[in-house]
Amino acid sequence: MKQEHPLQALAAYLPEGTFEQVLAYIQEFKVHLTITRERASILGDYRHPDSRGGHRISINGNLNKYAFLITLLHEMAHLTTFNLYSNRVASHGKEWKAQFSNILKQFVGKGYLPPDVEAALRQSIQNPAASSCADDNLMRVLTRYDRRKENHYLVEQLPLDQLFKTKDGRIFRKGEKVRKRYRCEEVATKRMYLFSPVYEVEIIAA
């Protein structure tokens, strides 16, 4: 289910003071922007011009304002990279990283973001991750500004052997950390899966 939003309505999704700057990008590149319901695997998406029309960007509407802005800028970097290189470069290669860093620099140091988000973003600019949700430190900070949901925690906050439920209703038992991820057993199938430390889950009683 997608919703088309008049551009003025976009201001409600963004940190105060950033709307005019974001609007300038959208108008300059004639972006068709869509705000969608939550998608489990992605926060945002960019589609380059084709037979269906020009540049298209979609962003999950459930994101907090800071996550929404950063995700939108992430997708704008895909747009500017496509304009420069078409499909000749890797989707999250050095060319995209350079574009994303350049765009982010227009929004840091301006008082738009809380100090902790600003610090995590400055660190991310040095070597931006392939997606906002792939940068664990940035995601950890951004989740502080999410609306609190009862019994929901990040995987890294759970004790060992805690049972938890994912958004699709499957139940897992938290295991040991393996490098950067947690090894968790799906209770029904006994299969093992790796979870990001900053993935949000719902705890359940044993």
Protein backbone atom coordinates (compact mmCIF):
# COMPACT_ATOMS: atom_id res chain seq x y z
CA MET A 1 0.00 0.00 0.00
CA LYS A 2 1.64 3.22 -1.16
CA GLN A 3 0.56 6.77 -0.51
CA GLU A 4 1.25 9.75 -2.73
CA HIS A 5 2.00 12.86 -0.66
CA PRO A 6 1.89 16.49 -1.77
CA LEU A 7 5.37 17.90 -1.34
CA GLN A 8 4.34 20.22 1.52
CA ALA A 9 3.21 17.17 3.52
CA LEU A 10 6.79 15.88 3.32
CA ALA A 11 7.83 18.44 5.95
CA ALA A 12 6.07 16.38 8.64
CA TYR A 13 8.45 13.48 8.01
CA LEU A 14 11.65 15.54 8.19
CA PRO A 15 13.67 17.22 10.95
CA GLU A 16 12.86 20.88 11.37
CA GLY A 17 14.83 23.10 9.01
CA THR A 18 15.62 20.46 6.37
CA PHE A 19 12.48 20.64 4.19
CA GLU A 20 13.59 23.44 1.84
CA GLN A 21 16.92 21.77 1.17
CA VAL A 22 15.32 18.37 0.52
CA LEU A 23 12.64 19.98 -1.64
CA ALA A 24 15.33 21.61 -3.78
CA TYR A 25 16.84 18.17 -4.52
CA ILE A 26 13.44 16.69 -5.38
CA GLN A 27 12.53 19.55 -7.70
CA GLU A 28 15.95 19.76 -9.35
CA PHE A 29 15.91 16.08 -10.30
CA LYS A 30 12.10 15.83 -10.78
CA VAL A 31 11.88 12.94 -8.32
CA HIS A 32 8.63 11.00 -7.96
CA LEU A 33 8.65 10.41 -4.19
CA THR A 34 6.45 7.77 -2.58
CA ILE A 35 6.02 7.18 1.15
CA THR A 36 5.20 3.53 1.86
CA ARG A 37 4.18 1.35 4.75
CA GLU A 38 6.92 -0.46 6.66
CA ARG A 39 8.96 -2.95 4.63
CA ALA A 40 10.92 -5.52 6.61
CA SER A 41 13.96 -5.78 4.37
CA ILE A 42 14.50 -2.19 3.20
CA LEU A 43 14.04 1.35 4.52
CA GLY A 44 14.06 3.01 1.11
CA ASP A 45 14.45 2.34 -2.59
CA TYR A 46 15.62 4.15 -5.75
CA ARG A 47 14.54 3.36 -9.32
CA HIS A 48 16.25 5.06 -12.24
CA PRO A 49 14.30 6.48 -15.20
CA ASP A 50 12.81 3.94 -17.61
CA SER A 51 9.71 3.53 -19.77
CA ARG A 52 7.51 4.10 -16.70
CA GLY A 53 8.90 7.56 -15.98
CA GLY A 54 11.74 9.49 -14.34
CA HIS A 55 13.61 9.08 -11.06
CA ARG A 56 11.51 7.29 -8.41
CA ILE A 57 12.29 7.07 -4.69
CA SER A 58 10.24 5.33 -2.00
CA ILE A 59 10.81 5.69 1.75
CA ASN A 60 9.17 3.81 4.64
CA GLY A 61 6.76 6.18 6.36
CA ASN A 62 7.18 4.61 9.81
CA LEU A 63 10.76 5.87 10.24
CA ASN A 64 11.56 8.55 12.80
CA LYS A 65 12.44 11.94 11.30
CA TYR A 66 16.20 11.51 11.46
CA ALA A 67 16.12 7.99 9.97
CA PHE A 68 13.73 9.23 7.26
CA LEU A 69 16.08 12.07 6.27
CA ILE A 70 19.20 9.88 6.20
CA THR A 71 17.42 7.16 4.20
CA LEU A 72 16.12 9.73 1.71
CA LEU A 73 19.62 11.18 1.28
CA HIS A 74 20.97 7.64 0.82
CA GLU A 75 18.56 7.15 -2.09
CA MET A 76 19.33 10.61 -3.50
CA ALA A 77 22.97 9.53 -3.64
CA HIS A 78 21.90 6.61 -5.84
CA LEU A 79 20.16 9.11 -8.11
CA THR A 80 23.16 11.42 -8.47
CA THR A 81 25.46 8.43 -8.96
CA PHE A 82 23.20 7.14 -11.75
CA ASN A 83 23.20 10.57 -13.40
CA LEU A 84 26.99 10.56 -13.44
CA TYR A 85 27.77 6.94 -14.26
CA SER A 86 24.50 5.29 -15.38
CA ASN A 87 24.77 1.56 -14.54
CA ARG A 88 28.52 1.37 -15.11
CA VAL A 89 29.51 1.30 -11.41
CA ALA A 90 28.72 -0.90 -8.40
CA SER A 91 25.52 0.15 -6.60
CA HIS A 92 27.36 0.86 -3.34
CA GLY A 93 30.86 1.32 -4.70
CA LYS A 94 33.29 4.18 -4.20
CA GLU A 95 31.36 6.42 -6.59
CA TRP A 96 28.15 6.09 -4.58
CA LYS A 97 30.03 6.51 -1.30
CA ALA A 98 31.52 9.77 -2.58
CA GLN A 99 28.09 11.06 -3.61
CA PHE A 100 26.48 10.06 -0.31
CA SER A 101 29.26 11.69 1.70
CA ASN A 102 28.95 14.90 -0.31
CA ILE A 103 25.19 15.05 0.21
CA LEU A 104 25.42 14.26 3.94
CA LYS A 105 27.91 17.09 4.42
CA GLN A 106 25.15 19.55 3.41
CA PHE A 107 23.13 18.49 6.46
CA VAL A 108 25.68 18.09 9.27
CA GLY A 109 26.87 20.96 11.41
CA LYS A 110 23.65 22.92 10.78
CA GLY A 111 21.77 22.13 14.00
CA TYR A 112 19.24 19.89 12.23
CA LEU A 113 20.26 16.73 14.07
CA PRO A 114 20.70 15.75 17.75
CA PRO A 115 24.37 15.60 18.84
CA ASP A 116 24.45 11.78 19.04
CA VAL A 117 22.97 11.37 15.53
CA GLU A 118 25.34 14.01 14.21
CA ALA A 119 28.35 12.22 15.74
CA ALA A 120 27.30 8.83 14.31
CA LEU A 121 26.67 10.41 10.92
CA ARG A 122 30.06 12.13 10.87
CA GLN A 123 31.65 8.76 11.59
CA SER A 124 29.54 7.14 8.84
CA ILE A 125 30.59 9.78 6.31
CA GLN A 126 34.15 8.45 6.47
CA ASN A 127 33.00 5.15 4.92
CA PRO A 128 29.23 4.95 4.51
CA ALA A 129 27.65 1.50 4.71
CA ALA A 130 25.70 -0.06 1.85
CA SER A 131 22.47 0.81 3.63
CA SER A 132 21.42 2.89 6.60
CA CYS A 133 20.48 -0.29 8.43
CA ALA A 134 23.87 -1.89 7.66
CA ASP A 135 25.65 0.73 9.77
CA ASP A 136 25.16 -0.76 13.24
CA ASN A 137 26.40 2.28 15.15
CA LEU A 138 24.21 4.69 13.20
CA MET A 139 21.17 2.40 13.53
CA ARG A 140 21.78 2.02 17.27
CA VAL A 141 21.69 5.79 17.68
CA LEU A 142 18.70 6.32 15.37
CA THR A 143 16.56 3.77 17.25
CA ARG A 144 16.76 6.01 20.34
CA TYR A 145 14.33 8.30 18.56
CA ASP A 146 11.81 5.61 17.63
CA ARG A 147 8.47 5.50 19.40
CA ARG A 148 8.81 2.95 22.20
CA LYS A 149 6.86 -0.29 21.74
CA GLU A 150 6.07 -2.53 24.70
CA ASN A 151 8.31 -5.62 25.01
CA HIS A 152 10.41 -4.62 21.97
CA TYR A 153 14.20 -4.52 22.25
CA LEU A 154 17.30 -4.74 20.09
CA VAL A 155 18.80 -8.24 19.84
CA GLU A 156 21.99 -7.05 21.56
CA GLN A 157 19.93 -5.98 24.60
CA LEU A 158 18.54 -9.46 25.23
CA PRO A 159 20.10 -11.97 27.65
CA LEU A 160 21.50 -15.24 26.32
CA ASP A 161 18.78 -17.88 25.61
CA GLN A 162 16.00 -15.25 25.62
CA LEU A 163 13.09 -16.22 23.35
CA PHE A 164 11.97 -13.53 20.93
CA LYS A 165 9.57 -13.08 18.03
CA THR A 166 10.34 -11.39 14.70
CA LYS A 167 7.91 -9.25 12.70
CA ASP A 168 6.81 -12.28 10.66
CA GLY A 169 5.82 -14.17 13.83
CA ARG A 170 8.70 -16.68 13.95
CA ILE A 171 10.18 -17.50 17.35
CA PHE A 172 13.93 -17.67 18.04
CA ARG A 173 16.28 -18.29 20.95
CA LYS A 174 19.20 -15.87 21.26
CA GLY A 175 22.62 -17.48 21.07
CA GLU A 176 26.25 -16.39 21.20
CA LYS A 177 27.74 -13.53 19.24
CA VAL A 178 29.73 -14.59 16.17
CA ARG A 179 31.87 -11.69 14.97
CA LYS A 180 29.33 -8.90 14.42
CA ARG A 181 26.11 -10.95 14.47
CA TYR A 182 24.19 -13.08 16.97
CA ARG A 183 23.60 -16.75 16.19
CA CYS A 184 19.97 -17.53 17.01
CA GLU A 185 18.00 -20.78 16.73
CA GLU A 186 14.54 -20.81 15.20
CA VAL A 187 12.55 -22.84 17.76
CA ALA A 188 10.21 -24.57 15.28
CA THR A 189 12.86 -25.77 12.81
CA LYS A 190 16.08 -25.81 14.93
CA ARG A 191 17.77 -23.92 12.07
CA MET A 192 20.35 -21.27 12.92
CA TYR A 193 20.19 -17.68 11.70
CA LEU A 194 22.46 -14.67 12.15
CA PHE A 195 20.86 -11.47 13.49
CA SER A 196 22.15 -7.93 13.47
CA PRO A 197 22.76 -6.66 17.02
CA VAL A 198 20.48 -3.68 16.28
CA TYR A 199 17.55 -5.66 14.84
CA GLU A 200 14.37 -4.94 16.82
CA VAL A 201 12.41 -7.94 18.12
CA GLU A 202 9.61 -8.67 20.59
CA ILE A 203 10.51 -10.69 23.68
CA ILE A 204 8.23 -13.53 24.77
CA ALA A 205 7.92 -15.53 27.96
CA ALA A 206 9.79 -18.84 28.10
